[in-house]
Amino acid sequence: MEGTTGATRKFTALDSKAEMREILLSVYNSLMVKGYNPINQIVGYILSEDPTYITNYNNARTLICRLDRDELLQELLRCYLDK
């Protein structure tokens, strides 16, 4: 193949905590605008991995699906415990 170096490239779902926070805030705000309880809906999504807990409004469902649930839970626990 021309133009390839043969090097392996590693891609991650999300590279930064700031991006994770930005996505969560955006999803939270979209749920608020649509009249849902954002905390309940996000928790429902995290526990079930059922994206229908999240509205499609403002691309919120697509955004939250970019987050790795395990990484999200780890980060939420770290922040909660301030570690």
C-alpha atoms as a PDB file:
ATOM      1  CA  MET A   1       0.000   0.000   0.000  1.00  0.00           C
ATOM      2  CA  GLU A   2       1.327   3.356  -0.930  1.00  0.00           C
ATOM      3  CA  GLY A   3       1.305   6.134   1.617  1.00  0.00           C
ATOM      4  CA  THR A   4       1.267   3.904   4.693  1.00  0.00           C
ATOM      5  CA  THR A   5       4.204   3.544   7.018  1.00  0.00           C
ATOM      6  CA  GLY A   6       3.181   0.243   8.536  1.00  0.00           C
ATOM      7  CA  ALA A   7       3.040   1.843  11.978  1.00  0.00           C
ATOM      8  CA  THR A   8       0.198   0.856  14.251  1.00  0.00           C
ATOM      9  CA  ARG A   9      -1.981   3.718  15.404  1.00  0.00           C
ATOM     10  CA  LYS A  10      -3.814   3.505  18.686  1.00  0.00           C
ATOM     11  CA  PHE A  11      -7.207   5.149  19.001  1.00  0.00           C
ATOM     12  CA  THR A  12      -9.026   5.671  22.264  1.00  0.00           C
ATOM     13  CA  ALA A  13     -12.700   6.426  22.790  1.00  0.00           C
ATOM     14  CA  LEU A  14     -11.814   9.542  24.735  1.00  0.00           C
ATOM     15  CA  ASP A  15      -8.412  10.973  25.441  1.00  0.00           C
ATOM     16  CA  SER A  16      -9.194  13.502  28.130  1.00  0.00           C
ATOM     17  CA  LYS A  17     -11.160  13.919  31.315  1.00  0.00           C
ATOM     18  CA  ALA A  18     -12.106  17.384  30.114  1.00  0.00           C
ATOM     19  CA  GLU A  19     -13.821  15.907  27.068  1.00  0.00           C
ATOM     20  CA  MET A  20     -15.655  13.409  29.282  1.00  0.00           C
ATOM     21  CA  ARG A  21     -16.853  16.255  31.501  1.00  0.00           C
ATOM     22  CA  GLU A  22     -17.885  18.308  28.485  1.00  0.00           C
ATOM     23  CA  ILE A  23     -19.937  15.423  27.095  1.00  0.00           C
ATOM     24  CA  LEU A  24     -21.620  14.752  30.439  1.00  0.00           C
ATOM     25  CA  LEU A  25     -22.507  18.422  30.859  1.00  0.00           C
ATOM     26  CA  SER A  26     -23.909  18.582  27.337  1.00  0.00           C
ATOM     27  CA  VAL A  27     -25.985  15.433  27.868  1.00  0.00           C
ATOM     28  CA  TYR A  28     -27.149  16.740  31.252  1.00  0.00           C
ATOM     29  CA  ASN A  29     -28.234  20.061  29.724  1.00  0.00           C
ATOM     30  CA  SER A  30     -30.037  18.360  26.838  1.00  0.00           C
ATOM     31  CA  LEU A  31     -31.974  16.183  29.275  1.00  0.00           C
ATOM     32  CA  MET A  32     -32.898  19.257  31.361  1.00  0.00           C
ATOM     33  CA  VAL A  33     -34.137  21.143  28.308  1.00  0.00           C
ATOM     34  CA  LYS A  34     -36.347  18.204  27.334  1.00  0.00           C
ATOM     35  CA  GLY A  35     -37.841  18.050  30.854  1.00  0.00           C
ATOM     36  CA  TYR A  36     -36.174  14.872  32.098  1.00  0.00           C
ATOM     37  CA  ASN A  37     -34.438  14.311  35.427  1.00  0.00           C
ATOM     38  CA  PRO A  38     -30.849  14.216  34.114  1.00  0.00           C
ATOM     39  CA  ILE A  39     -29.349  12.373  37.078  1.00  0.00           C
ATOM     40  CA  ASN A  40     -31.929   9.577  36.941  1.00  0.00           C
ATOM     41  CA  GLN A  41     -31.604   9.248  33.177  1.00  0.00           C
ATOM     42  CA  ILE A  42     -27.792   9.168  33.174  1.00  0.00           C
ATOM     43  CA  VAL A  43     -27.738   6.642  36.031  1.00  0.00           C
ATOM     44  CA  GLY A  44     -30.243   4.510  34.121  1.00  0.00           C
ATOM     45  CA  TYR A  45     -28.005   4.625  31.076  1.00  0.00           C
ATOM     46  CA  ILE A  46     -24.869   3.766  33.053  1.00  0.00           C
ATOM     47  CA  LEU A  47     -26.508   0.814  34.794  1.00  0.00           C
ATOM     48  CA  SER A  48     -28.216  -0.638  31.731  1.00  0.00           C
ATOM     49  CA  GLU A  49     -26.160   0.696  28.810  1.00  0.00           C
ATOM     50  CA  ASP A  50     -29.542   1.297  27.168  1.00  0.00           C
ATOM     51  CA  PRO A  51     -29.102   4.480  25.110  1.00  0.00           C
ATOM     52  CA  THR A  52     -32.849   5.155  25.095  1.00  0.00           C
ATOM     53  CA  TYR A  53     -32.426   6.677  28.567  1.00  0.00           C
ATOM     54  CA  ILE A  54     -30.754   9.579  26.767  1.00  0.00           C
ATOM     55  CA  THR A  55     -32.589  11.955  24.471  1.00  0.00           C
ATOM     56  CA  ASN A  56     -31.544  12.411  20.848  1.00  0.00           C
ATOM     57  CA  TYR A  57     -31.917  16.176  21.330  1.00  0.00           C
ATOM     58  CA  ASN A  58     -28.650  18.023  20.568  1.00  0.00           C
ATOM     59  CA  ASN A  59     -27.020  14.702  19.625  1.00  0.00           C
ATOM     60  CA  ALA A  60     -26.908  13.752  23.331  1.00  0.00           C
ATOM     61  CA  ARG A  61     -27.382  10.025  22.706  1.00  0.00           C
ATOM     62  CA  THR A  62     -24.543   9.910  20.189  1.00  0.00           C
ATOM     63  CA  LEU A  63     -22.303  11.854  22.555  1.00  0.00           C
ATOM     64  CA  ILE A  64     -22.879   9.648  25.589  1.00  0.00           C
ATOM     65  CA  CYS A  65     -22.245   6.532  23.531  1.00  0.00           C
ATOM     66  CA  ARG A  66     -18.716   7.844  22.936  1.00  0.00           C
ATOM     67  CA  LEU A  67     -17.978   7.423  26.636  1.00  0.00           C
ATOM     68  CA  ASP A  68     -16.643   4.131  27.943  1.00  0.00           C
ATOM     69  CA  ARG A  69     -18.938   3.259  30.851  1.00  0.00           C
ATOM     70  CA  ASP A  70     -16.162   1.691  32.938  1.00  0.00           C
ATOM     71  CA  GLU A  71     -13.947   4.754  32.538  1.00  0.00           C
ATOM     72  CA  LEU A  72     -16.896   7.008  33.299  1.00  0.00           C
ATOM     73  CA  LEU A  73     -17.732   5.122  36.506  1.00  0.00           C
ATOM     74  CA  GLN A  74     -14.098   5.168  37.580  1.00  0.00           C
ATOM     75  CA  GLU A  75     -13.846   8.902  37.014  1.00  0.00           C
ATOM     76  CA  LEU A  76     -17.143   9.614  38.780  1.00  0.00           C
ATOM     77  CA  LEU A  77     -15.983   7.575  41.787  1.00  0.00           C
ATOM     78  CA  ARG A  78     -12.582   9.315  41.809  1.00  0.00           C
ATOM     79  CA  CYS A  79     -14.275  12.727  41.760  1.00  0.00           C
ATOM     80  CA  TYR A  80     -16.810  11.733  44.401  1.00  0.00           C
ATOM     81  CA  LEU A  81     -14.079  10.500  46.723  1.00  0.00           C
ATOM     82  CA  ASP A  82     -11.826  13.406  45.692  1.00  0.00           C
ATOM     83  CA  LYS A  83      -8.947  11.043  44.783  1.00  0.00           C
END
